[in-house]
Amino acid sequence: MRYVYVILLCLSTLALHAQGDAVISQYVLQPFLFNPAAAGSEGGLSAGALYRNQWGGLEGAPQSFLLQANLASKNNRLGYGGWLGRDAWGPYTQHQVFGAFSYRIPAGKGYFAMGVQAGMQQFNTQWNDLTAFQAGDVAFTGNPGNNVFIPNFGAGLFYKSDKITAGFSVPRMLSSKVFESQYLTLVNYYTANLDYRFQLGEKFGLVPATLIKWTKNTAQVDLNLYLVFVKSIWVGAGFRSDKSANFSAQYHLTKGRNNFSLAYSYDLANGTYRNVTGSGTHEISLLFSLKKKEDNTPPIPTETAP
């Protein structure tokens, strides 16, 4: 293990203390990943996968993989879903599996939903993969690592119409000391998201979107703007409160009841960390949805022109 892991160890300590979940640039595509109330929001079956390789080219840099599926009931009042994820950074690995349930009621031109989720988080460290600056450091020598399982649950609120998508959630309500001997703490955090779809003529649309994640002592704000062309092509750019920028593109390969979408994002770190964190961050996601033949549920943003 090279010295870079020691640096990443310090960075991961801060990241885990802040929230314990991966940063996602394509939050507009799959809100169910951070808000259980979005389960069944497509009015049918939805399944998606997301892979994020942060700071590409840097050994031991964070990598995340998420897989989700959710479904609306026959009358569109109930939503069910589940997701699993794997995050790895330096000597740490985190696995998560959660199931979710939502209940929806009509609200104006859209609907209002309440949701809950419950699941398990598993944290693992491999101290043997580290090479300490000081040979024979008793904190790592002969210590194979830790393996901890932590149950957790969350809740959320979600509103959706033809123009607006908004939500608030607490994905992890329980705070737990994960590796007390290593001074790592998993804290609960909050999220809020909002996007609005403007129509610009018959073929173009504009979608400003934001996602805010915060804890008692920290906050992260994402601001994005997408240009939509003939409901199929989304091109956007955005900024994060850590002064990083991201660029993304989405393409909907099919239309109608069966919709298959492919999206890619590239995050560029701010100038202070750009030379250290490698070639930037790559994120790719796939999303498949199958709507019902008769569906009165407002469609998700990715299938509707603003």
C-alpha atoms as a PDB file:
ATOM      1  CA  MET A   1       0.000   0.000   0.000  1.00  0.00           C
ATOM      2  CA  ARG A   2       1.367   3.400  -0.954  1.00  0.00           C
ATOM      3  CA  TYR A   3       1.390   6.587   1.094  1.00  0.00           C
ATOM      4  CA  VAL A   4      -1.698   7.868  -0.730  1.00  0.00           C
ATOM      5  CA  TYR A   5      -3.831   5.498   1.368  1.00  0.00           C
ATOM      6  CA  VAL A   6      -2.811   7.343   4.499  1.00  0.00           C
ATOM      7  CA  ILE A   7      -4.094  10.569   2.940  1.00  0.00           C
ATOM      8  CA  LEU A   8      -7.306   8.853   1.862  1.00  0.00           C
ATOM      9  CA  LEU A   9      -7.708   7.463   5.353  1.00  0.00           C
ATOM     10  CA  CYS A  10      -7.905  11.008   6.695  1.00  0.00           C
ATOM     11  CA  LEU A  11     -10.288  12.079   3.927  1.00  0.00           C
ATOM     12  CA  SER A  12     -12.538   9.080   4.450  1.00  0.00           C
ATOM     13  CA  THR A  13     -12.725   9.845   8.166  1.00  0.00           C
ATOM     14  CA  LEU A  14     -14.220  13.233   7.355  1.00  0.00           C
ATOM     15  CA  ALA A  15     -16.540  11.819   4.703  1.00  0.00           C
ATOM     16  CA  LEU A  16     -17.900   9.064   6.926  1.00  0.00           C
ATOM     17  CA  HIS A  17     -18.457  11.461   9.766  1.00  0.00           C
ATOM     18  CA  ALA A  18     -20.375  13.767   7.448  1.00  0.00           C
ATOM     19  CA  GLN A  19     -22.835  11.268   6.003  1.00  0.00           C
ATOM     20  CA  GLY A  20     -21.503   7.812   5.115  1.00  0.00           C
ATOM     21  CA  ASP A  21     -23.057   7.743   1.622  1.00  0.00           C
ATOM     22  CA  ALA A  22     -21.645   8.405  -1.811  1.00  0.00           C
ATOM     23  CA  VAL A  23     -22.036  11.728  -3.595  1.00  0.00           C
ATOM     24  CA  ILE A  24     -24.338  11.393  -6.646  1.00  0.00           C
ATOM     25  CA  SER A  25     -24.287  13.900  -9.507  1.00  0.00           C
ATOM     26  CA  GLN A  26     -27.265  12.354 -11.364  1.00  0.00           C
ATOM     27  CA  TYR A  27     -29.740  12.809  -8.534  1.00  0.00           C
ATOM     28  CA  VAL A  28     -32.496  13.993 -10.919  1.00  0.00           C
ATOM     29  CA  LEU A  29     -32.610  10.585 -12.607  1.00  0.00           C
ATOM     30  CA  GLN A  30     -33.014   8.374  -9.530  1.00  0.00           C
ATOM     31  CA  PRO A  31     -34.424  10.217  -6.488  1.00  0.00           C
ATOM     32  CA  PHE A  32     -35.389   6.877  -4.939  1.00  0.00           C
ATOM     33  CA  LEU A  33     -31.730   6.340  -4.051  1.00  0.00           C
ATOM     34  CA  PHE A  34     -31.919   9.042  -1.368  1.00  0.00           C
ATOM     35  CA  ASN A  35     -35.666   9.386  -0.682  1.00  0.00           C
ATOM     36  CA  PRO A  36     -37.879   6.352   0.091  1.00  0.00           C
ATOM     37  CA  ALA A  37     -41.025   8.398  -0.615  1.00  0.00           C
ATOM     38  CA  ALA A  38     -40.061   8.327  -4.316  1.00  0.00           C
ATOM     39  CA  ALA A  39     -40.744   4.569  -4.490  1.00  0.00           C
ATOM     40  CA  GLY A  40     -43.180   3.920  -7.329  1.00  0.00           C
ATOM     41  CA  SER A  41     -42.935   7.516  -8.585  1.00  0.00           C
ATOM     42  CA  GLU A  42     -42.976   6.369 -12.227  1.00  0.00           C
ATOM     43  CA  GLY A  43     -46.374   4.748 -11.894  1.00  0.00           C
ATOM     44  CA  GLY A  44     -44.995   1.364 -12.923  1.00  0.00           C
ATOM     45  CA  LEU A  45     -41.764  -0.599 -12.692  1.00  0.00           C
ATOM     46  CA  SER A  46     -38.405   1.161 -12.510  1.00  0.00           C
ATOM     47  CA  ALA A  47     -34.938  -0.373 -12.244  1.00  0.00           C
ATOM     48  CA  GLY A  48     -31.616   1.391 -12.339  1.00  0.00           C
ATOM     49  CA  ALA A  49     -27.895   1.001 -11.800  1.00  0.00           C
ATOM     50  CA  LEU A  50     -25.259   3.642 -11.080  1.00  0.00           C
ATOM     51  CA  TYR A  51     -21.464   3.432 -10.962  1.00  0.00           C
ATOM     52  CA  ARG A  52     -19.225   6.267  -9.761  1.00  0.00           C
ATOM     53  CA  ASN A  53     -15.427   6.293  -9.945  1.00  0.00           C
ATOM     54  CA  GLN A  54     -14.213   9.303  -7.990  1.00  0.00           C
ATOM     55  CA  TRP A  55     -10.831  10.854  -8.678  1.00  0.00           C
ATOM     56  CA  GLY A  56     -10.033   8.450 -11.518  1.00  0.00           C
ATOM     57  CA  GLY A  57      -6.409   7.390 -11.706  1.00  0.00           C
ATOM     58  CA  LEU A  58      -5.723   7.790  -7.985  1.00  0.00           C
ATOM     59  CA  GLU A  59      -5.034   4.519  -6.172  1.00  0.00           C
ATOM     60  CA  GLY A  60      -7.497   3.805  -3.387  1.00  0.00           C
ATOM     61  CA  ALA A  61      -9.907   6.543  -4.481  1.00  0.00           C
ATOM     62  CA  PRO A  62     -13.638   6.158  -3.688  1.00  0.00           C
ATOM     63  CA  GLN A  63     -15.751   3.929  -5.919  1.00  0.00           C
ATOM     64  CA  SER A  64     -19.505   3.377  -5.586  1.00  0.00           C
ATOM     65  CA  PHE A  65     -22.008   1.001  -7.159  1.00  0.00           C
ATOM     66  CA  LEU A  66     -25.779   1.265  -6.595  1.00  0.00           C
ATOM     67  CA  LEU A  67     -28.593  -0.945  -7.844  1.00  0.00           C
ATOM     68  CA  GLN A  68     -32.289  -0.175  -7.274  1.00  0.00           C
ATOM     69  CA  ALA A  69     -35.783  -1.283  -8.291  1.00  0.00           C
ATOM     70  CA  ASN A  70     -39.179   0.112  -7.308  1.00  0.00           C
ATOM     71  CA  LEU A  71     -42.788  -0.493  -8.294  1.00  0.00           C
ATOM     72  CA  ALA A  72     -46.171   1.228  -7.944  1.00  0.00           C
ATOM     73  CA  SER A  73     -49.284  -0.688  -6.888  1.00  0.00           C
ATOM     74  CA  LYS A  74     -52.198  -1.221  -9.261  1.00  0.00           C
ATOM     75  CA  ASN A  75     -54.067   1.842  -7.993  1.00  0.00           C
ATOM     76  CA  ASN A  76     -50.875   3.958  -7.782  1.00  0.00           C
ATOM     77  CA  ARG A  77     -51.454   4.676  -4.099  1.00  0.00           C
ATOM     78  CA  LEU A  78     -48.614   2.487  -2.807  1.00  0.00           C
ATOM     79  CA  GLY A  79     -44.986   2.191  -3.795  1.00  0.00           C
ATOM     80  CA  TYR A  80     -42.499  -0.582  -3.012  1.00  0.00           C
ATOM     81  CA  GLY A  81     -38.802  -0.830  -3.668  1.00  0.00           C
ATOM     82  CA  GLY A  82     -35.356  -1.837  -2.590  1.00  0.00           C
ATOM     83  CA  TRP A  83     -31.775  -0.939  -3.298  1.00  0.00           C
ATOM     84  CA  LEU A  84     -28.300  -2.127  -2.498  1.00  0.00           C
ATOM     85  CA  GLY A  85     -24.973  -0.392  -2.654  1.00  0.00           C
ATOM     86  CA  ARG A  86     -21.253  -0.877  -2.293  1.00  0.00           C
ATOM     87  CA  ASP A  87     -18.741   1.876  -1.504  1.00  0.00           C
ATOM     88  CA  ALA A  88     -14.992   1.406  -1.276  1.00  0.00           C
ATOM     89  CA  TRP A  89     -12.351   3.982  -0.414  1.00  0.00           C
ATOM     90  CA  GLY A  90      -8.817   3.289   0.772  1.00  0.00           C
ATOM     91  CA  PRO A  91      -8.959   0.425   3.305  1.00  0.00           C
ATOM     92  CA  TYR A  92     -12.713   0.868   3.899  1.00  0.00           C
ATOM     93  CA  THR A  93     -15.651  -0.977   2.328  1.00  0.00           C
ATOM     94  CA  GLN A  94     -19.318  -0.335   2.989  1.00  0.00           C
ATOM     95  CA  HIS A  95     -22.257  -2.512   1.870  1.00  0.00           C
ATOM     96  CA  GLN A  96     -25.887  -1.433   2.238  1.00  0.00           C
ATOM     97  CA  VAL A  97     -29.245  -3.066   1.567  1.00  0.00           C
ATOM     98  CA  PHE A  98     -32.568  -1.300   2.154  1.00  0.00           C
ATOM     99  CA  GLY A  99     -36.244  -1.908   1.471  1.00  0.00           C
ATOM    100  CA  ALA A 100     -38.746   0.967   1.135  1.00  0.00           C
ATOM    101  CA  PHE A 101     -42.485   1.618   1.201  1.00  0.00           C
ATOM    102  CA  SER A 102     -44.427   4.760   0.200  1.00  0.00           C
ATOM    103  CA  TYR A 103     -48.024   5.956   0.319  1.00  0.00           C
ATOM    104  CA  ARG A 104     -49.366   8.600  -2.073  1.00  0.00           C
ATOM    105  CA  ILE A 105     -52.348  10.943  -2.045  1.00  0.00           C
ATOM    106  CA  PRO A 106     -53.545  13.289  -4.834  1.00  0.00           C
ATOM    107  CA  ALA A 107     -52.488  16.911  -4.376  1.00  0.00           C
ATOM    108  CA  GLY A 108     -53.569  19.441  -6.985  1.00  0.00           C
ATOM    109  CA  LYS A 109     -52.102  18.533 -10.370  1.00  0.00           C
ATOM    110  CA  GLY A 110     -49.724  16.033  -8.799  1.00  0.00           C
ATOM    111  CA  TYR A 111     -49.411  13.867  -5.736  1.00  0.00           C
ATOM    112  CA  PHE A 112     -47.852  13.956  -2.300  1.00  0.00           C
ATOM    113  CA  ALA A 113     -46.056  10.882  -0.932  1.00  0.00           C
ATOM    114  CA  MET A 114     -44.741   9.722   2.425  1.00  0.00           C
ATOM    115  CA  GLY A 115     -42.196   6.924   2.626  1.00  0.00           C
ATOM    116  CA  VAL A 116     -40.076   4.890   5.008  1.00  0.00           C
ATOM    117  CA  GLN A 117     -37.149   2.518   4.556  1.00  0.00           C
ATOM    118  CA  ALA A 118     -35.237   0.047   6.713  1.00  0.00           C
ATOM    119  CA  GLY A 119     -32.117  -1.970   6.148  1.00  0.00           C
ATOM    120  CA  MET A 120     -28.595  -2.887   7.143  1.00  0.00           C
ATOM    121  CA  GLN A 121     -25.164  -1.316   6.695  1.00  0.00           C
ATOM    122  CA  GLN A 122     -21.968  -3.334   6.889  1.00  0.00           C
ATOM    123  CA  PHE A 123     -18.574  -1.679   7.333  1.00  0.00           C
ATOM    124  CA  ASN A 124     -15.253  -3.406   6.835  1.00  0.00           C
ATOM    125  CA  THR A 125     -11.644  -2.264   7.160  1.00  0.00           C
ATOM    126  CA  GLN A 126      -8.492  -3.991   5.950  1.00  0.00           C
ATOM    127  CA  TRP A 127      -5.698  -2.503   8.041  1.00  0.00           C
ATOM    128  CA  ASN A 128      -3.255  -5.044   6.599  1.00  0.00           C
ATOM    129  CA  ASP A 129      -3.513  -3.188   3.278  1.00  0.00           C
ATOM    130  CA  LEU A 130      -1.958  -0.098   4.832  1.00  0.00           C
ATOM    131  CA  THR A 131       1.694   0.841   4.996  1.00  0.00           C
ATOM    132  CA  ALA A 132       2.204   3.216   7.910  1.00  0.00           C
ATOM    133  CA  PHE A 133       4.639   6.119   7.843  1.00  0.00           C
ATOM    134  CA  GLN A 134       6.185   4.778  11.021  1.00  0.00           C
ATOM    135  CA  ALA A 135       7.127   1.094  10.743  1.00  0.00           C
ATOM    136  CA  GLY A 136       5.737  -1.049  13.533  1.00  0.00           C
ATOM    137  CA  ASP A 137       2.897   1.331  14.406  1.00  0.00           C
ATOM    138  CA  VAL A 138       0.883  -0.647  16.980  1.00  0.00           C
ATOM    139  CA  ALA A 139      -2.399   0.792  15.651  1.00  0.00           C
ATOM    140  CA  PHE A 140      -2.006  -1.241  12.442  1.00  0.00           C
ATOM    141  CA  THR A 141       0.610  -3.950  13.003  1.00  0.00           C
ATOM    142  CA  GLY A 142      -1.063  -7.352  13.333  1.00  0.00           C
ATOM    143  CA  ASN A 143      -4.560  -5.804  13.174  1.00  0.00           C
ATOM    144  CA  PRO A 144      -6.499  -7.438  10.297  1.00  0.00           C
ATOM    145  CA  GLY A 145      -9.350  -4.908  10.501  1.00  0.00           C
ATOM    146  CA  ASN A 146     -12.947  -4.571  11.623  1.00  0.00           C
ATOM    147  CA  ASN A 147     -16.274  -5.920  10.385  1.00  0.00           C
ATOM    148  CA  VAL A 148     -19.392  -4.232  11.793  1.00  0.00           C
ATOM    149  CA  PHE A 149     -23.128  -4.575  10.970  1.00  0.00           C
ATOM    150  CA  ILE A 150     -25.461  -1.685  11.786  1.00  0.00           C
ATOM    151  CA  PRO A 151     -29.266  -1.628  11.267  1.00  0.00           C
ATOM    152  CA  ASN A 152     -30.743   1.674  10.183  1.00  0.00           C
ATOM    153  CA  PHE A 153     -33.917   3.239   8.851  1.00  0.00           C
ATOM    154  CA  GLY A 154     -35.054   6.443   7.150  1.00  0.00           C
ATOM    155  CA  ALA A 155     -38.097   8.428   6.049  1.00  0.00           C
ATOM    156  CA  GLY A 156     -39.028  11.005   3.451  1.00  0.00           C
ATOM    157  CA  LEU A 157     -41.636  13.273   1.873  1.00  0.00           C
ATOM    158  CA  PHE A 158     -42.058  13.677  -1.886  1.00  0.00           C
ATOM    159  CA  TYR A 159     -44.174  15.852  -4.206  1.00  0.00           C
ATOM    160  CA  LYS A 160     -44.482  15.453  -7.964  1.00  0.00           C
ATOM    161  CA  SER A 161     -46.446  17.146 -10.726  1.00  0.00           C
ATOM    162  CA  ASP A 162     -45.928  17.737 -14.441  1.00  0.00           C
ATOM    163  CA  LYS A 163     -43.667  20.686 -13.660  1.00  0.00           C
ATOM    164  CA  ILE A 164     -42.274  20.258 -10.156  1.00  0.00           C
ATOM    165  CA  THR A 165     -40.411  17.554  -8.261  1.00  0.00           C
ATOM    166  CA  ALA A 166     -39.571  18.254  -4.626  1.00  0.00           C
ATOM    167  CA  GLY A 167     -38.598  16.164  -1.638  1.00  0.00           C
ATOM    168  CA  PHE A 168     -37.200  16.045   1.870  1.00  0.00           C
ATOM    169  CA  SER A 169     -35.694  12.972   3.512  1.00  0.00           C
ATOM    170  CA  VAL A 170     -33.673  11.630   6.410  1.00  0.00           C
ATOM    171  CA  PRO A 171     -32.061   8.555   4.793  1.00  0.00           C
ATOM    172  CA  ARG A 172     -30.278   7.444   7.975  1.00  0.00           C
ATOM    173  CA  MET A 173     -32.023   8.254  11.232  1.00  0.00           C
ATOM    174  CA  LEU A 174     -29.672   6.369  13.546  1.00  0.00           C
ATOM    175  CA  SER A 175     -26.264   7.665  14.546  1.00  0.00           C
ATOM    176  CA  SER A 176     -23.729   5.003  15.490  1.00  0.00           C
ATOM    177  CA  LYS A 177     -20.099   4.805  16.454  1.00  0.00           C
ATOM    178  CA  VAL A 178     -18.770   2.476  13.803  1.00  0.00           C
ATOM    179  CA  PHE A 179     -15.131   1.968  14.684  1.00  0.00           C
ATOM    180  CA  GLU A 180     -14.810   3.637  18.064  1.00  0.00           C
ATOM    181  CA  SER A 181     -11.120   2.805  18.371  1.00  0.00           C
ATOM    182  CA  GLN A 182     -10.474   4.636  15.086  1.00  0.00           C
ATOM    183  CA  TYR A 183     -12.638   7.647  15.964  1.00  0.00           C
ATOM    184  CA  LEU A 184     -15.082   7.176  13.067  1.00  0.00           C
ATOM    185  CA  THR A 185     -18.709   8.100  13.603  1.00  0.00           C
ATOM    186  CA  LEU A 186     -21.702   7.578  11.320  1.00  0.00           C
ATOM    187  CA  VAL A 187     -24.152  10.465  11.773  1.00  0.00           C
ATOM    188  CA  ASN A 188     -27.671  10.977  10.499  1.00  0.00           C
ATOM    189  CA  TYR A 189     -28.134  13.529   7.732  1.00  0.00           C
ATOM    190  CA  TYR A 190     -30.871  15.277   5.752  1.00  0.00           C
ATOM    191  CA  THR A 191     -31.569  15.916   2.077  1.00  0.00           C
ATOM    192  CA  ALA A 192     -33.802  18.319   0.157  1.00  0.00           C
ATOM    193  CA  ASN A 193     -34.242  18.374  -3.618  1.00  0.00           C
ATOM    194  CA  LEU A 194     -36.163  20.532  -6.064  1.00  0.00           C
ATOM    195  CA  ASP A 195     -36.403  20.783  -9.846  1.00  0.00           C
ATOM    196  CA  TYR A 196     -38.743  22.728 -12.124  1.00  0.00           C
ATOM    197  CA  ARG A 197     -39.391  22.148 -15.819  1.00  0.00           C
ATOM    198  CA  PHE A 198     -39.805  25.147 -18.162  1.00  0.00           C
ATOM    199  CA  GLN A 199     -41.147  24.757 -21.703  1.00  0.00           C
ATOM    200  CA  LEU A 200     -39.166  26.685 -24.340  1.00  0.00           C
ATOM    201  CA  GLY A 201     -41.135  26.180 -27.528  1.00  0.00           C
ATOM    202  CA  GLU A 202     -42.162  22.817 -28.937  1.00  0.00           C
ATOM    203  CA  LYS A 203     -38.755  21.126 -28.888  1.00  0.00           C
ATOM    204  CA  PHE A 204     -36.782  22.632 -26.041  1.00  0.00           C
ATOM    205  CA  GLY A 205     -37.062  22.712 -22.286  1.00  0.00           C
ATOM    206  CA  LEU A 206     -35.010  24.002 -19.366  1.00  0.00           C
ATOM    207  CA  VAL A 207     -34.696  22.270 -15.985  1.00  0.00           C
ATOM    208  CA  PRO A 208     -32.945  23.933 -13.018  1.00  0.00           C
ATOM    209  CA  ALA A 209     -32.348  21.448 -10.190  1.00  0.00           C
ATOM    210  CA  THR A 210     -30.800  21.420  -6.755  1.00  0.00           C
ATOM    211  CA  LEU A 211     -29.929  18.867  -4.076  1.00  0.00           C
ATOM    212  CA  ILE A 212     -28.919  19.882  -0.550  1.00  0.00           C
ATOM    213  CA  LYS A 213     -27.425  17.455   1.982  1.00  0.00           C
ATOM    214  CA  TRP A 214     -26.617  18.575   5.506  1.00  0.00           C
ATOM    215  CA  THR A 215     -25.848  17.482   9.038  1.00  0.00           C
ATOM    216  CA  LYS A 216     -25.616  19.448  12.248  1.00  0.00           C
ATOM    217  CA  ASN A 217     -22.166  20.803  11.342  1.00  0.00           C
ATOM    218  CA  THR A 218     -21.748  20.424   7.566  1.00  0.00           C
ATOM    219  CA  ALA A 219     -23.670  21.083   4.351  1.00  0.00           C
ATOM    220  CA  GLN A 220     -23.282  20.305   0.649  1.00  0.00           C
ATOM    221  CA  VAL A 221     -25.239  22.084  -2.093  1.00  0.00           C
ATOM    222  CA  ASP A 222     -25.544  20.922  -5.724  1.00  0.00           C
ATOM    223  CA  LEU A 223     -26.882  23.315  -8.380  1.00  0.00           C
ATOM    224  CA  ASN A 224     -27.531  22.069 -11.918  1.00  0.00           C
ATOM    225  CA  LEU A 225     -29.121  23.357 -15.114  1.00  0.00           C
ATOM    226  CA  TYR A 226     -30.269  21.041 -17.936  1.00  0.00           C
ATOM    227  CA  LEU A 227     -31.253  21.812 -21.509  1.00  0.00           C
ATOM    228  CA  VAL A 228     -33.765  19.274 -22.885  1.00  0.00           C
ATOM    229  CA  PHE A 229     -34.204  18.621 -26.606  1.00  0.00           C
ATOM    230  CA  VAL A 230     -37.262  16.760 -27.990  1.00  0.00           C
ATOM    231  CA  LYS A 231     -37.718  14.942 -24.662  1.00  0.00           C
ATOM    232  CA  SER A 232     -34.811  12.605 -25.470  1.00  0.00           C
ATOM    233  CA  ILE A 233     -31.534  14.453 -24.946  1.00  0.00           C
ATOM    234  CA  TRP A 234     -30.523  16.207 -21.722  1.00  0.00           C
ATOM    235  CA  VAL A 235     -27.298  18.233 -21.531  1.00  0.00           C
ATOM    236  CA  GLY A 236     -26.356  20.002 -18.319  1.00  0.00           C
ATOM    237  CA  ALA A 237     -23.736  21.549 -16.100  1.00  0.00           C
ATOM    238  CA  GLY A 238     -23.572  22.311 -12.421  1.00  0.00           C
ATOM    239  CA  PHE A 239     -21.550  23.299  -9.385  1.00  0.00           C
ATOM    240  CA  ARG A 240     -21.115  21.827  -5.931  1.00  0.00           C
ATOM    241  CA  SER A 241     -20.459  23.857  -2.791  1.00  0.00           C
ATOM    242  CA  ASP A 242     -16.935  22.419  -2.533  1.00  0.00           C
ATOM    243  CA  LYS A 243     -16.245  24.493  -5.688  1.00  0.00           C
ATOM    244  CA  SER A 244     -16.198  21.476  -7.990  1.00  0.00           C
ATOM    245  CA  ALA A 245     -18.012  21.480 -11.338  1.00  0.00           C
ATOM    246  CA  ASN A 246     -19.852  18.735 -13.192  1.00  0.00           C
ATOM    247  CA  PHE A 247     -21.008  18.172 -16.747  1.00  0.00           C
ATOM    248  CA  SER A 248     -23.608  15.594 -17.742  1.00  0.00           C
ATOM    249  CA  ALA A 249     -25.557  14.177 -20.669  1.00  0.00           C
ATOM    250  CA  GLN A 250     -28.605  11.907 -20.738  1.00  0.00           C
ATOM    251  CA  TYR A 251     -30.081  10.096 -23.708  1.00  0.00           C
ATOM    252  CA  HIS A 252     -33.382   8.252 -23.768  1.00  0.00           C
ATOM    253  CA  LEU A 253     -32.983   5.347 -26.161  1.00  0.00           C
ATOM    254  CA  THR A 254     -36.687   4.505 -26.258  1.00  0.00           C
ATOM    255  CA  LYS A 255     -39.973   6.307 -25.661  1.00  0.00           C
ATOM    256  CA  GLY A 256     -43.491   5.400 -24.632  1.00  0.00           C
ATOM    257  CA  ARG A 257     -44.337   2.844 -21.960  1.00  0.00           C
ATOM    258  CA  ASN A 258     -40.916   1.200 -22.161  1.00  0.00           C
ATOM    259  CA  ASN A 259     -38.181   3.717 -21.531  1.00  0.00           C
ATOM    260  CA  PHE A 260     -34.450   3.008 -21.387  1.00  0.00           C
ATOM    261  CA  SER A 261     -32.093   5.836 -20.430  1.00  0.00           C
ATOM    262  CA  LEU A 262     -28.320   6.177 -20.366  1.00  0.00           C
ATOM    263  CA  ALA A 263     -26.539   9.006 -18.529  1.00  0.00           C
ATOM    264  CA  TYR A 264     -22.938  10.072 -17.996  1.00  0.00           C
ATOM    265  CA  SER A 265     -21.441  12.741 -15.723  1.00  0.00           C
ATOM    266  CA  TYR A 266     -17.937  14.096 -15.340  1.00  0.00           C
ATOM    267  CA  ASP A 267     -16.953  15.970 -12.167  1.00  0.00           C
ATOM    268  CA  LEU A 268     -13.962  18.278 -12.138  1.00  0.00           C
ATOM    269  CA  ALA A 269     -12.402  19.078  -8.756  1.00  0.00           C
ATOM    270  CA  ASN A 270     -11.579  22.638  -7.810  1.00  0.00           C
ATOM    271  CA  GLY A 271      -8.119  24.004  -8.507  1.00  0.00           C
ATOM    272  CA  THR A 272      -6.748  23.220  -5.036  1.00  0.00           C
ATOM    273  CA  TYR A 273      -7.279  19.456  -5.423  1.00  0.00           C
ATOM    274  CA  ARG A 274      -7.255  19.045  -9.214  1.00  0.00           C
ATOM    275  CA  ASN A 275      -3.592  18.082  -9.467  1.00  0.00           C
ATOM    276  CA  VAL A 276      -3.879  15.643  -6.554  1.00  0.00           C
ATOM    277  CA  THR A 277      -7.115  13.821  -7.352  1.00  0.00           C
ATOM    278  CA  GLY A 278      -6.233  12.490 -10.802  1.00  0.00           C
ATOM    279  CA  SER A 279      -8.313  12.781 -13.966  1.00  0.00           C
ATOM    280  CA  GLY A 280     -11.618  13.740 -12.381  1.00  0.00           C
ATOM    281  CA  THR A 281     -14.719  11.742 -11.452  1.00  0.00           C
ATOM    282  CA  HIS A 282     -16.753   9.581 -13.846  1.00  0.00           C
ATOM    283  CA  GLU A 283     -20.356   8.574 -13.173  1.00  0.00           C
ATOM    284  CA  ILE A 284     -22.566   6.446 -15.419  1.00  0.00           C
ATOM    285  CA  SER A 285     -26.115   5.236 -14.859  1.00  0.00           C
ATOM    286  CA  LEU A 286     -28.710   3.102 -16.620  1.00  0.00           C
ATOM    287  CA  LEU A 287     -32.435   3.382 -15.978  1.00  0.00           C
ATOM    288  CA  PHE A 288     -35.276   1.243 -17.291  1.00  0.00           C
ATOM    289  CA  SER A 289     -38.963   1.980 -16.698  1.00  0.00           C
ATOM    290  CA  LEU A 290     -42.135   0.189 -17.694  1.00  0.00           C
ATOM    291  CA  LYS A 291     -45.270   2.235 -17.288  1.00  0.00           C
ATOM    292  CA  LYS A 292     -48.778   0.899 -16.995  1.00  0.00           C
ATOM    293  CA  LYS A 293     -51.144   1.161 -19.971  1.00  0.00           C
ATOM    294  CA  GLU A 294     -53.403   3.520 -18.040  1.00  0.00           C
ATOM    295  CA  ASP A 295     -51.377   5.689 -15.709  1.00  0.00           C
ATOM    296  CA  ASN A 296     -52.534   8.971 -14.214  1.00  0.00           C
ATOM    297  CA  THR A 297     -49.343   9.447 -12.204  1.00  0.00           C
ATOM    298  CA  PRO A 298     -47.265  12.489 -13.278  1.00  0.00           C
ATOM    299  CA  PRO A 299     -44.275  11.190 -15.268  1.00  0.00           C
ATOM    300  CA  ILE A 300     -40.720  11.479 -14.028  1.00  0.00           C
ATOM    301  CA  PRO A 301     -38.647  14.414 -15.338  1.00  0.00           C
ATOM    302  CA  THR A 302     -36.578  12.214 -17.642  1.00  0.00           C
ATOM    303  CA  GLU A 303     -39.608  11.350 -19.771  1.00  0.00           C
ATOM    304  CA  THR A 304     -41.388  14.678 -19.900  1.00  0.00           C
ATOM    305  CA  ALA A 305     -40.445  17.829 -21.722  1.00  0.00           C
ATOM    306  CA  PRO A 306     -40.313  20.702 -19.261  1.00  0.00           C
END
